[in-house]
N, C-alpha and C. Protein backbone atom coordinates (compact mmCIF):
# COMPACT_ATOMS: atom_id res chain seq x y z
N MET A 1 -2.33 7.92 6.30
CA MET A 1 -2.61 6.52 6.06
C MET A 1 -4.11 6.28 5.89
N GLU A 2 -4.93 7.07 6.64
CA GLU A 2 -6.38 6.92 6.54
C GLU A 2 -6.87 7.24 5.13
N ALA A 3 -6.32 8.30 4.52
CA ALA A 3 -6.73 8.69 3.17
C ALA A 3 -6.40 7.60 2.16
N LEU A 4 -5.24 6.98 2.29
CA LEU A 4 -4.86 5.90 1.38
C LEU A 4 -5.79 4.70 1.54
N THR A 5 -6.14 4.35 2.76
CA THR A 5 -7.06 3.25 3.01
C THR A 5 -8.41 3.53 2.35
N ILE A 6 -8.91 4.73 2.53
CA ILE A 6 -10.20 5.11 1.95
C ILE A 6 -10.13 5.08 0.42
N LEU A 7 -9.04 5.58 -0.14
CA LEU A 7 -8.88 5.57 -1.60
C LEU A 7 -8.87 4.14 -2.14
N LEU A 8 -8.17 3.24 -1.49
CA LEU A 8 -8.12 1.85 -1.94
C LEU A 8 -9.49 1.19 -1.82
N ILE A 9 -10.22 1.48 -0.76
CA ILE A 9 -11.58 0.96 -0.62
C ILE A 9 -12.45 1.48 -1.76
N ALA A 10 -12.35 2.77 -2.06
CA ALA A 10 -13.16 3.39 -3.12
C ALA A 10 -12.86 2.76 -4.47
N ILE A 11 -11.59 2.54 -4.76
CA ILE A 11 -11.21 1.92 -6.04
C ILE A 11 -11.73 0.50 -6.10
N GLY A 12 -11.60 -0.24 -5.01
CA GLY A 12 -12.10 -1.62 -4.98
C GLY A 12 -13.61 -1.68 -5.23
N LEU A 13 -14.35 -0.79 -4.57
CA LEU A 13 -15.80 -0.76 -4.77
C LEU A 13 -16.17 -0.38 -6.20
N SER A 14 -15.36 0.43 -6.84
CA SER A 14 -15.68 0.93 -8.17
C SER A 14 -15.39 -0.07 -9.29
N MET A 15 -14.71 -1.14 -9.00
CA MET A 15 -14.34 -2.09 -10.06
C MET A 15 -15.56 -2.77 -10.68
N ASP A 16 -16.54 -3.16 -9.87
CA ASP A 16 -17.75 -3.75 -10.44
C ASP A 16 -18.49 -2.73 -11.30
N THR A 17 -18.52 -1.50 -10.84
CA THR A 17 -19.17 -0.43 -11.61
C THR A 17 -18.45 -0.23 -12.94
N PHE A 18 -17.13 -0.27 -12.92
CA PHE A 18 -16.36 -0.14 -14.15
C PHE A 18 -16.73 -1.27 -15.13
N ALA A 19 -16.74 -2.51 -14.64
CA ALA A 19 -17.03 -3.65 -15.51
C ALA A 19 -18.45 -3.58 -16.06
N VAL A 20 -19.41 -3.21 -15.21
CA VAL A 20 -20.79 -3.09 -15.67
C VAL A 20 -20.91 -1.97 -16.70
N SER A 21 -20.26 -0.84 -16.46
CA SER A 21 -20.30 0.28 -17.40
C SER A 21 -19.65 -0.10 -18.72
N LEU A 22 -18.58 -0.85 -18.66
CA LEU A 22 -17.93 -1.34 -19.87
C LEU A 22 -18.90 -2.21 -20.67
N GLY A 23 -19.58 -3.12 -19.97
CA GLY A 23 -20.55 -3.99 -20.63
C GLY A 23 -21.69 -3.19 -21.25
N ILE A 24 -22.19 -2.21 -20.55
CA ILE A 24 -23.28 -1.38 -21.07
C ILE A 24 -22.81 -0.57 -22.27
N GLY A 25 -21.60 -0.04 -22.17
CA GLY A 25 -21.07 0.74 -23.28
C GLY A 25 -20.96 -0.06 -24.56
N THR A 26 -20.61 -1.32 -24.45
CA THR A 26 -20.49 -2.16 -25.66
C THR A 26 -21.82 -2.37 -26.36
N SER A 27 -22.92 -2.26 -25.63
CA SER A 27 -24.23 -2.49 -26.24
C SER A 27 -24.67 -1.32 -27.12
N GLN A 28 -23.99 -0.19 -27.03
CA GLN A 28 -24.28 1.00 -27.82
C GLN A 28 -25.67 1.58 -27.53
N ARG A 29 -26.23 1.28 -26.36
CA ARG A 29 -27.54 1.82 -26.00
C ARG A 29 -27.46 2.95 -24.99
N CYS A 30 -26.26 3.28 -24.60
CA CYS A 30 -26.09 4.37 -23.63
C CYS A 30 -24.94 5.25 -24.12
N ASN A 31 -25.09 5.77 -25.34
CA ASN A 31 -23.99 6.53 -25.92
C ASN A 31 -24.29 8.00 -26.09
N SER A 32 -25.45 8.47 -25.63
CA SER A 32 -25.68 9.91 -25.63
C SER A 32 -25.16 10.48 -24.31
N LEU A 33 -24.84 11.74 -24.32
CA LEU A 33 -24.31 12.38 -23.10
C LEU A 33 -25.34 12.30 -21.97
N ARG A 34 -26.59 12.54 -22.30
CA ARG A 34 -27.65 12.55 -21.29
C ARG A 34 -27.82 11.18 -20.64
N SER A 35 -27.89 10.11 -21.43
CA SER A 35 -28.07 8.77 -20.85
C SER A 35 -26.82 8.34 -20.10
N SER A 36 -25.65 8.71 -20.59
CA SER A 36 -24.41 8.37 -19.89
C SER A 36 -24.34 9.06 -18.53
N LEU A 37 -24.66 10.34 -18.50
CA LEU A 37 -24.64 11.07 -17.23
C LEU A 37 -25.69 10.52 -16.26
N ARG A 38 -26.85 10.15 -16.77
CA ARG A 38 -27.90 9.58 -15.92
C ARG A 38 -27.42 8.26 -15.31
N LEU A 39 -26.81 7.41 -16.12
CA LEU A 39 -26.31 6.13 -15.62
C LEU A 39 -25.20 6.35 -14.58
N ILE A 40 -24.25 7.19 -14.91
CA ILE A 40 -23.14 7.48 -13.99
C ILE A 40 -23.67 8.05 -12.67
N TRP A 41 -24.61 8.97 -12.75
CA TRP A 41 -25.18 9.58 -11.55
C TRP A 41 -25.81 8.53 -10.66
N HIS A 42 -26.64 7.65 -11.22
CA HIS A 42 -27.34 6.66 -10.41
C HIS A 42 -26.38 5.61 -9.83
N LEU A 43 -25.44 5.15 -10.63
CA LEU A 43 -24.48 4.17 -10.11
C LEU A 43 -23.70 4.75 -8.93
N SER A 44 -23.25 5.99 -9.07
CA SER A 44 -22.46 6.60 -8.00
C SER A 44 -23.33 6.98 -6.81
N LEU A 45 -24.56 7.41 -7.07
CA LEU A 45 -25.48 7.75 -5.98
C LEU A 45 -25.78 6.52 -5.12
N PHE A 46 -26.06 5.40 -5.76
CA PHE A 46 -26.32 4.17 -5.01
C PHE A 46 -25.08 3.71 -4.25
N GLN A 47 -23.92 3.82 -4.89
CA GLN A 47 -22.68 3.40 -4.23
C GLN A 47 -22.43 4.21 -2.96
N GLY A 48 -22.53 5.52 -3.06
CA GLY A 48 -22.35 6.38 -1.89
C GLY A 48 -23.49 6.22 -0.89
N GLY A 49 -24.71 6.14 -1.39
CA GLY A 49 -25.88 6.03 -0.52
C GLY A 49 -25.91 4.75 0.29
N LEU A 50 -25.59 3.63 -0.34
CA LEU A 50 -25.58 2.37 0.40
C LEU A 50 -24.38 2.27 1.34
N THR A 51 -23.30 2.96 1.02
CA THR A 51 -22.19 3.04 1.97
C THR A 51 -22.64 3.78 3.22
N LEU A 52 -23.33 4.90 3.02
CA LEU A 52 -23.85 5.67 4.14
C LEU A 52 -24.88 4.85 4.93
N ALA A 53 -25.74 4.11 4.23
CA ALA A 53 -26.74 3.28 4.91
C ALA A 53 -26.07 2.20 5.76
N GLY A 54 -25.03 1.58 5.22
CA GLY A 54 -24.30 0.57 5.99
C GLY A 54 -23.64 1.16 7.21
N TRP A 55 -23.07 2.35 7.05
CA TRP A 55 -22.44 3.02 8.19
C TRP A 55 -23.49 3.39 9.24
N ALA A 56 -24.62 3.93 8.79
CA ALA A 56 -25.65 4.38 9.73
C ALA A 56 -26.35 3.22 10.43
N ALA A 57 -26.59 2.15 9.72
CA ALA A 57 -27.33 1.03 10.29
C ALA A 57 -26.46 0.10 11.12
N GLY A 58 -25.17 0.18 10.90
CA GLY A 58 -24.26 -0.66 11.67
C GLY A 58 -24.48 -2.13 11.40
N ALA A 59 -24.29 -2.94 12.39
CA ALA A 59 -24.36 -4.40 12.24
C ALA A 59 -25.76 -4.90 11.93
N THR A 60 -26.78 -4.16 12.24
CA THR A 60 -28.15 -4.63 12.05
C THR A 60 -28.43 -5.00 10.60
N VAL A 61 -28.22 -4.08 9.67
CA VAL A 61 -28.51 -4.33 8.27
C VAL A 61 -27.56 -5.38 7.69
N GLN A 62 -26.28 -5.25 7.98
CA GLN A 62 -25.30 -6.17 7.42
C GLN A 62 -25.58 -7.61 7.83
N ARG A 63 -26.01 -7.81 9.04
CA ARG A 63 -26.30 -9.16 9.53
C ARG A 63 -27.37 -9.83 8.67
N TYR A 64 -28.40 -9.06 8.29
CA TYR A 64 -29.47 -9.61 7.47
C TYR A 64 -29.08 -9.75 6.01
N LEU A 65 -28.34 -8.79 5.49
CA LEU A 65 -27.94 -8.83 4.08
C LEU A 65 -26.88 -9.89 3.81
N ALA A 66 -26.00 -10.14 4.75
CA ALA A 66 -24.87 -11.03 4.53
C ALA A 66 -25.31 -12.44 4.16
N ASN A 67 -26.47 -12.85 4.58
CA ASN A 67 -26.92 -14.21 4.30
C ASN A 67 -27.38 -14.41 2.86
N TYR A 68 -27.77 -13.34 2.18
CA TYR A 68 -28.28 -13.54 0.82
C TYR A 68 -27.92 -12.44 -0.17
N ASP A 69 -27.07 -11.49 0.20
CA ASP A 69 -26.73 -10.42 -0.73
C ASP A 69 -26.07 -10.95 -2.00
N HIS A 70 -25.26 -11.99 -1.87
CA HIS A 70 -24.58 -12.56 -3.03
C HIS A 70 -25.57 -13.18 -4.01
N TRP A 71 -26.66 -13.74 -3.52
CA TRP A 71 -27.69 -14.31 -4.39
C TRP A 71 -28.43 -13.20 -5.13
N ILE A 72 -28.69 -12.10 -4.45
CA ILE A 72 -29.37 -10.97 -5.09
C ILE A 72 -28.50 -10.40 -6.21
N ILE A 73 -27.23 -10.17 -5.92
CA ILE A 73 -26.31 -9.64 -6.92
C ILE A 73 -26.22 -10.59 -8.11
N PHE A 74 -26.07 -11.87 -7.83
CA PHE A 74 -25.98 -12.88 -8.90
C PHE A 74 -27.22 -12.86 -9.79
N ALA A 75 -28.41 -12.86 -9.17
CA ALA A 75 -29.66 -12.89 -9.94
C ALA A 75 -29.83 -11.64 -10.79
N LEU A 76 -29.53 -10.48 -10.23
CA LEU A 76 -29.69 -9.24 -10.98
C LEU A 76 -28.75 -9.18 -12.18
N LEU A 77 -27.48 -9.52 -11.96
CA LEU A 77 -26.52 -9.47 -13.06
C LEU A 77 -26.76 -10.57 -14.08
N LEU A 78 -27.22 -11.73 -13.64
CA LEU A 78 -27.56 -12.81 -14.56
C LEU A 78 -28.72 -12.38 -15.46
N PHE A 79 -29.70 -11.72 -14.88
CA PHE A 79 -30.86 -11.26 -15.65
C PHE A 79 -30.45 -10.24 -16.71
N VAL A 80 -29.74 -9.21 -16.31
CA VAL A 80 -29.34 -8.15 -17.26
C VAL A 80 -28.35 -8.70 -18.27
N GLY A 81 -27.35 -9.46 -17.82
CA GLY A 81 -26.37 -10.05 -18.73
C GLY A 81 -27.01 -11.04 -19.70
N GLY A 82 -27.96 -11.81 -19.21
CA GLY A 82 -28.67 -12.76 -20.07
C GLY A 82 -29.45 -12.05 -21.17
N ARG A 83 -30.07 -10.94 -20.83
CA ARG A 83 -30.79 -10.15 -21.85
C ARG A 83 -29.82 -9.62 -22.89
N MET A 84 -28.65 -9.17 -22.45
CA MET A 84 -27.66 -8.66 -23.41
C MET A 84 -27.18 -9.78 -24.32
N LEU A 85 -26.96 -10.98 -23.76
CA LEU A 85 -26.54 -12.12 -24.57
C LEU A 85 -27.60 -12.48 -25.61
N LYS A 86 -28.83 -12.54 -25.16
CA LYS A 86 -29.94 -12.89 -26.06
C LYS A 86 -30.01 -11.91 -27.22
N GLU A 87 -29.92 -10.62 -26.92
CA GLU A 87 -29.99 -9.61 -27.97
C GLU A 87 -28.74 -9.63 -28.85
N GLY A 88 -27.58 -9.97 -28.27
CA GLY A 88 -26.36 -10.03 -29.05
C GLY A 88 -26.35 -11.18 -30.05
N PHE A 89 -26.98 -12.29 -29.67
CA PHE A 89 -27.02 -13.45 -30.57
C PHE A 89 -28.18 -13.39 -31.56
N ASP A 90 -29.14 -12.52 -31.34
CA ASP A 90 -30.30 -12.41 -32.22
C ASP A 90 -29.93 -11.59 -33.45
N PRO A 91 -29.87 -12.24 -34.64
CA PRO A 91 -29.46 -11.50 -35.84
C PRO A 91 -30.48 -10.44 -36.26
N ASN A 92 -31.71 -10.56 -35.80
CA ASN A 92 -32.74 -9.60 -36.18
C ASN A 92 -32.86 -8.44 -35.20
N HIS A 93 -32.11 -8.50 -34.12
CA HIS A 93 -32.21 -7.45 -33.10
C HIS A 93 -31.35 -6.25 -33.49
N ASP A 94 -31.96 -5.09 -33.46
CA ASP A 94 -31.27 -3.84 -33.76
C ASP A 94 -30.92 -3.16 -32.44
N ASN A 95 -29.63 -2.96 -32.17
CA ASN A 95 -29.19 -2.36 -30.90
C ASN A 95 -29.81 -1.01 -30.63
N SER A 96 -30.10 -0.26 -31.65
CA SER A 96 -30.64 1.08 -31.42
C SER A 96 -32.06 1.02 -30.88
N GLN A 97 -32.74 -0.13 -31.00
CA GLN A 97 -34.11 -0.24 -30.51
C GLN A 97 -34.20 -0.95 -29.18
N GLY A 98 -33.10 -1.31 -28.59
CA GLY A 98 -33.12 -2.00 -27.30
C GLY A 98 -33.46 -1.06 -26.17
N SER A 99 -33.69 -1.63 -25.01
CA SER A 99 -34.04 -0.81 -23.86
C SER A 99 -32.82 0.01 -23.41
N ASP A 100 -33.09 1.19 -22.93
CA ASP A 100 -32.05 2.09 -22.46
C ASP A 100 -31.67 1.71 -21.03
N PRO A 101 -30.44 1.24 -20.79
CA PRO A 101 -30.05 0.83 -19.44
C PRO A 101 -29.93 1.99 -18.45
N SER A 102 -30.10 3.21 -18.94
CA SER A 102 -30.03 4.36 -18.03
C SER A 102 -31.42 4.81 -17.59
N ARG A 103 -32.41 3.95 -17.80
CA ARG A 103 -33.79 4.27 -17.43
C ARG A 103 -34.47 3.07 -16.78
N GLY A 104 -35.46 3.36 -15.97
CA GLY A 104 -36.38 2.35 -15.47
C GLY A 104 -35.77 1.25 -14.62
N ALA A 105 -36.37 0.08 -14.74
CA ALA A 105 -36.00 -1.06 -13.89
C ALA A 105 -34.57 -1.51 -14.11
N THR A 106 -34.10 -1.47 -15.34
CA THR A 106 -32.72 -1.89 -15.60
C THR A 106 -31.73 -1.01 -14.85
N LEU A 107 -31.97 0.28 -14.84
CA LEU A 107 -31.09 1.22 -14.12
C LEU A 107 -31.08 0.89 -12.63
N ILE A 108 -32.24 0.65 -12.05
CA ILE A 108 -32.31 0.32 -10.62
C ILE A 108 -31.61 -1.01 -10.34
N LEU A 109 -31.86 -2.02 -11.19
CA LEU A 109 -31.22 -3.33 -10.99
C LEU A 109 -29.70 -3.21 -11.02
N LEU A 110 -29.17 -2.49 -12.00
CA LEU A 110 -27.72 -2.33 -12.10
C LEU A 110 -27.16 -1.53 -10.93
N SER A 111 -27.87 -0.49 -10.53
CA SER A 111 -27.40 0.35 -9.42
C SER A 111 -27.35 -0.45 -8.12
N VAL A 112 -28.37 -1.24 -7.87
CA VAL A 112 -28.40 -2.07 -6.65
C VAL A 112 -27.34 -3.16 -6.72
N ALA A 113 -27.26 -3.83 -7.87
CA ALA A 113 -26.32 -4.95 -8.00
C ALA A 113 -24.87 -4.52 -7.80
N THR A 114 -24.52 -3.34 -8.29
CA THR A 114 -23.13 -2.89 -8.16
C THR A 114 -22.86 -2.25 -6.80
N SER A 115 -23.90 -2.03 -6.00
CA SER A 115 -23.73 -1.28 -4.75
C SER A 115 -24.04 -2.03 -3.47
N LEU A 116 -24.56 -3.24 -3.56
CA LEU A 116 -24.93 -3.95 -2.34
C LEU A 116 -23.74 -4.17 -1.41
N ASP A 117 -22.58 -4.43 -1.98
CA ASP A 117 -21.41 -4.64 -1.14
C ASP A 117 -20.99 -3.35 -0.42
N ALA A 118 -21.50 -2.22 -0.86
CA ALA A 118 -21.18 -0.95 -0.21
C ALA A 118 -21.76 -0.88 1.20
N THR A 119 -22.84 -1.62 1.48
CA THR A 119 -23.37 -1.62 2.85
C THR A 119 -22.36 -2.23 3.81
N ALA A 120 -21.71 -3.29 3.38
CA ALA A 120 -20.68 -3.91 4.22
C ALA A 120 -19.49 -2.96 4.41
N VAL A 121 -19.15 -2.24 3.35
CA VAL A 121 -18.06 -1.27 3.45
C VAL A 121 -18.44 -0.17 4.44
N GLY A 122 -19.69 0.28 4.37
CA GLY A 122 -20.14 1.30 5.31
C GLY A 122 -20.03 0.84 6.75
N LEU A 123 -20.38 -0.40 6.99
CA LEU A 123 -20.24 -0.99 8.32
C LEU A 123 -18.76 -1.01 8.72
N SER A 124 -17.90 -1.38 7.79
CA SER A 124 -16.46 -1.41 8.06
C SER A 124 -15.93 -0.02 8.40
N LEU A 125 -16.44 0.99 7.70
CA LEU A 125 -16.01 2.37 7.99
C LEU A 125 -16.34 2.75 9.42
N ALA A 126 -17.52 2.32 9.87
CA ALA A 126 -17.92 2.63 11.24
C ALA A 126 -17.03 1.90 12.24
N ILE A 127 -16.73 0.64 11.95
CA ILE A 127 -15.90 -0.16 12.85
C ILE A 127 -14.48 0.39 12.91
N MET A 128 -13.94 0.79 11.75
CA MET A 128 -12.57 1.31 11.68
C MET A 128 -12.50 2.78 12.09
N ARG A 129 -13.65 3.39 12.31
CA ARG A 129 -13.75 4.79 12.71
C ARG A 129 -13.06 5.73 11.73
N LEU A 130 -13.31 5.44 10.44
CA LEU A 130 -12.78 6.32 9.39
C LEU A 130 -13.76 7.46 9.17
N ASN A 131 -13.28 8.56 8.67
CA ASN A 131 -14.10 9.74 8.39
C ASN A 131 -15.15 9.37 7.34
N VAL A 132 -16.40 9.31 7.74
CA VAL A 132 -17.46 8.82 6.86
C VAL A 132 -17.75 9.79 5.71
N ILE A 133 -17.72 11.08 5.95
CA ILE A 133 -18.00 12.05 4.89
C ILE A 133 -16.93 11.99 3.81
N PHE A 134 -15.67 12.02 4.22
CA PHE A 134 -14.57 11.91 3.26
C PHE A 134 -14.63 10.57 2.52
N SER A 135 -14.96 9.51 3.23
CA SER A 135 -15.05 8.17 2.63
C SER A 135 -16.13 8.12 1.56
N ILE A 136 -17.31 8.61 1.89
CA ILE A 136 -18.43 8.55 0.95
C ILE A 136 -18.16 9.43 -0.27
N LEU A 137 -17.59 10.60 -0.07
CA LEU A 137 -17.26 11.46 -1.21
C LEU A 137 -16.19 10.81 -2.09
N THR A 138 -15.22 10.16 -1.49
CA THR A 138 -14.17 9.48 -2.25
C THR A 138 -14.76 8.31 -3.03
N ILE A 139 -15.62 7.53 -2.38
CA ILE A 139 -16.27 6.40 -3.05
C ILE A 139 -17.14 6.90 -4.20
N TRP A 140 -17.89 7.97 -3.96
CA TRP A 140 -18.74 8.54 -5.00
C TRP A 140 -17.91 9.00 -6.19
N LEU A 141 -16.84 9.74 -5.93
CA LEU A 141 -16.00 10.26 -7.01
C LEU A 141 -15.31 9.13 -7.78
N ALA A 142 -14.80 8.14 -7.07
CA ALA A 142 -14.17 7.00 -7.75
C ALA A 142 -15.18 6.28 -8.64
N THR A 143 -16.40 6.14 -8.16
CA THR A 143 -17.44 5.48 -8.96
C THR A 143 -17.76 6.30 -10.20
N VAL A 144 -17.85 7.61 -10.07
CA VAL A 144 -18.10 8.47 -11.23
C VAL A 144 -16.99 8.28 -12.26
N ILE A 145 -15.74 8.33 -11.82
CA ILE A 145 -14.61 8.22 -12.73
C ILE A 145 -14.57 6.86 -13.42
N PHE A 146 -14.70 5.78 -12.64
CA PHE A 146 -14.62 4.44 -13.24
C PHE A 146 -15.82 4.12 -14.13
N ALA A 147 -17.01 4.62 -13.78
CA ALA A 147 -18.18 4.41 -14.63
C ALA A 147 -18.00 5.15 -15.96
N ALA A 148 -17.49 6.37 -15.91
CA ALA A 148 -17.27 7.14 -17.13
C ALA A 148 -16.22 6.47 -18.02
N ILE A 149 -15.14 6.01 -17.42
CA ILE A 149 -14.10 5.32 -18.20
C ILE A 149 -14.66 4.05 -18.83
N GLY A 150 -15.44 3.30 -18.05
CA GLY A 150 -16.05 2.08 -18.56
C GLY A 150 -16.99 2.34 -19.73
N LEU A 151 -17.84 3.36 -19.60
CA LEU A 151 -18.77 3.69 -20.68
C LEU A 151 -18.04 4.15 -21.94
N LEU A 152 -17.05 5.02 -21.77
CA LEU A 152 -16.30 5.52 -22.93
C LEU A 152 -15.57 4.38 -23.64
N THR A 153 -14.92 3.55 -22.86
CA THR A 153 -14.18 2.42 -23.45
C THR A 153 -15.14 1.45 -24.13
N GLY A 154 -16.24 1.12 -23.44
CA GLY A 154 -17.23 0.21 -24.01
C GLY A 154 -17.85 0.76 -25.28
N ASN A 155 -18.20 2.04 -25.29
CA ASN A 155 -18.77 2.66 -26.49
C ASN A 155 -17.83 2.57 -27.67
N SER A 156 -16.56 2.85 -27.43
CA SER A 156 -15.60 2.79 -28.53
C SER A 156 -15.40 1.36 -29.02
N LEU A 157 -15.37 0.40 -28.12
CA LEU A 157 -15.26 -1.00 -28.54
C LEU A 157 -16.51 -1.46 -29.26
N GLY A 158 -17.68 -1.03 -28.77
CA GLY A 158 -18.94 -1.41 -29.39
C GLY A 158 -19.06 -0.88 -30.82
N LYS A 159 -18.61 0.35 -31.04
CA LYS A 159 -18.65 0.93 -32.38
C LYS A 159 -17.73 0.16 -33.32
N ARG A 160 -16.63 -0.27 -32.78
CA ARG A 160 -15.63 -0.95 -33.63
C ARG A 160 -15.99 -2.41 -33.92
N PHE A 161 -16.52 -3.11 -32.91
CA PHE A 161 -16.74 -4.54 -33.07
C PHE A 161 -18.21 -4.96 -33.08
N GLY A 162 -19.13 -4.03 -32.87
CA GLY A 162 -20.55 -4.30 -33.02
C GLY A 162 -21.12 -5.30 -32.03
N LYS A 163 -21.99 -6.20 -32.53
CA LYS A 163 -22.75 -7.12 -31.68
C LYS A 163 -21.86 -8.06 -30.87
N ARG A 164 -20.67 -8.34 -31.36
CA ARG A 164 -19.77 -9.21 -30.59
C ARG A 164 -19.45 -8.60 -29.24
N MET A 165 -19.38 -7.27 -29.19
CA MET A 165 -19.09 -6.60 -27.93
C MET A 165 -20.30 -6.64 -26.99
N GLU A 166 -21.51 -6.66 -27.54
CA GLU A 166 -22.70 -6.79 -26.69
C GLU A 166 -22.70 -8.16 -26.03
N ILE A 167 -22.30 -9.18 -26.78
CA ILE A 167 -22.19 -10.53 -26.21
C ILE A 167 -21.13 -10.53 -25.11
N LEU A 168 -19.99 -9.91 -25.39
CA LEU A 168 -18.93 -9.82 -24.37
C LEU A 168 -19.43 -9.06 -23.14
N GLY A 169 -20.17 -7.98 -23.36
CA GLY A 169 -20.73 -7.21 -22.24
C GLY A 169 -21.65 -8.06 -21.37
N GLY A 170 -22.51 -8.85 -22.01
CA GLY A 170 -23.39 -9.76 -21.26
C GLY A 170 -22.59 -10.78 -20.47
N LEU A 171 -21.55 -11.31 -21.10
CA LEU A 171 -20.70 -12.29 -20.40
C LEU A 171 -19.97 -11.65 -19.22
N ILE A 172 -19.56 -10.40 -19.36
CA ILE A 172 -18.89 -9.70 -18.26
C ILE A 172 -19.84 -9.57 -17.07
N LEU A 173 -21.08 -9.16 -17.32
CA LEU A 173 -22.05 -9.02 -16.23
C LEU A 173 -22.31 -10.35 -15.54
N ILE A 174 -22.48 -11.40 -16.33
CA ILE A 174 -22.72 -12.72 -15.75
C ILE A 174 -21.49 -13.18 -14.96
N ALA A 175 -20.30 -12.92 -15.49
CA ALA A 175 -19.07 -13.32 -14.80
C ALA A 175 -18.93 -12.60 -13.45
N ILE A 176 -19.31 -11.33 -13.40
CA ILE A 176 -19.26 -10.61 -12.12
C ILE A 176 -20.20 -11.27 -11.12
N GLY A 177 -21.41 -11.60 -11.57
CA GLY A 177 -22.37 -12.27 -10.69
C GLY A 177 -21.85 -13.61 -10.20
N VAL A 178 -21.25 -14.39 -11.09
CA VAL A 178 -20.69 -15.69 -10.70
C VAL A 178 -19.54 -15.51 -9.72
N ARG A 179 -18.68 -14.51 -9.98
CA ARG A 179 -17.55 -14.25 -9.07
C ARG A 179 -18.04 -13.93 -7.66
N VAL A 180 -19.05 -13.08 -7.57
CA VAL A 180 -19.59 -12.71 -6.26
C VAL A 180 -20.16 -13.94 -5.56
N LEU A 181 -20.88 -14.76 -6.31
CA LEU A 181 -21.47 -15.98 -5.73
C LEU A 181 -20.39 -16.95 -5.26
N VAL A 182 -19.38 -17.17 -6.08
CA VAL A 182 -18.29 -18.10 -5.72
C VAL A 182 -17.53 -17.59 -4.50
N GLU A 183 -17.26 -16.29 -4.47
CA GLU A 183 -16.55 -15.73 -3.31
C GLU A 183 -17.31 -15.99 -2.02
N HIS A 184 -18.62 -15.82 -2.05
CA HIS A 184 -19.42 -15.98 -0.83
C HIS A 184 -19.67 -17.44 -0.48
N LEU A 185 -19.84 -18.29 -1.47
CA LEU A 185 -20.20 -19.68 -1.19
C LEU A 185 -18.99 -20.60 -1.02
N VAL A 186 -17.91 -20.30 -1.71
CA VAL A 186 -16.77 -21.19 -1.68
C VAL A 186 -15.58 -20.60 -0.93
N LEU A 187 -15.17 -19.40 -1.31
CA LEU A 187 -13.96 -18.84 -0.75
C LEU A 187 -14.13 -18.36 0.69
N LEU A 188 -15.19 -17.63 0.98
CA LEU A 188 -15.36 -17.08 2.32
C LEU A 188 -15.56 -18.15 3.38
N PRO A 189 -16.37 -19.21 3.14
CA PRO A 189 -16.46 -20.26 4.16
C PRO A 189 -15.15 -20.99 4.38
N ALA A 190 -14.31 -21.10 3.32
CA ALA A 190 -13.03 -21.77 3.47
C ALA A 190 -12.07 -20.97 4.33
N ILE A 191 -12.20 -19.64 4.27
CA ILE A 191 -11.34 -18.77 5.07
C ILE A 191 -11.74 -18.78 6.54
N SER A 192 -13.05 -18.88 6.78
CA SER A 192 -13.57 -18.82 8.16
C SER A 192 -13.15 -19.98 9.01
């Protein structure tokens, strides 16, 4: 039963990574093997690393992050998604000349935005006394798989539908940010 719980947690954590990878794939700026592997590596590294950090830090880190993590995620995804929208609507913008999301600040922003909730999961792992090594490896592997599927799917859609898919990718990133914000500001206080 413990393995099933960990697998479901890993899949749940990987859904944002899948959606972000899908959005990036549609932009056609991360379609080489090298950039795809770099993006997948960083997304999964942050997901596993922040899970471990949440587990190691216990309630201390989560207590501070819980008050504003949703705002950080929203701002990061709004920024990256907004840039994708701007470039998608610009008729003079050539996708091949855009910034590579598998490098620099964009890579860090996406990695952090998709992984902040992993600190809370790490704390939960400690509270539930689940095997942390198996959990982190499962979360890492699920993130690798879902990021790869998202990139492959997005790349194929981007090739077929062009700039319209970049606009959709930007909207997906913004929608994820809005969902996280609504969950924390509206749904979670109503449950409490």
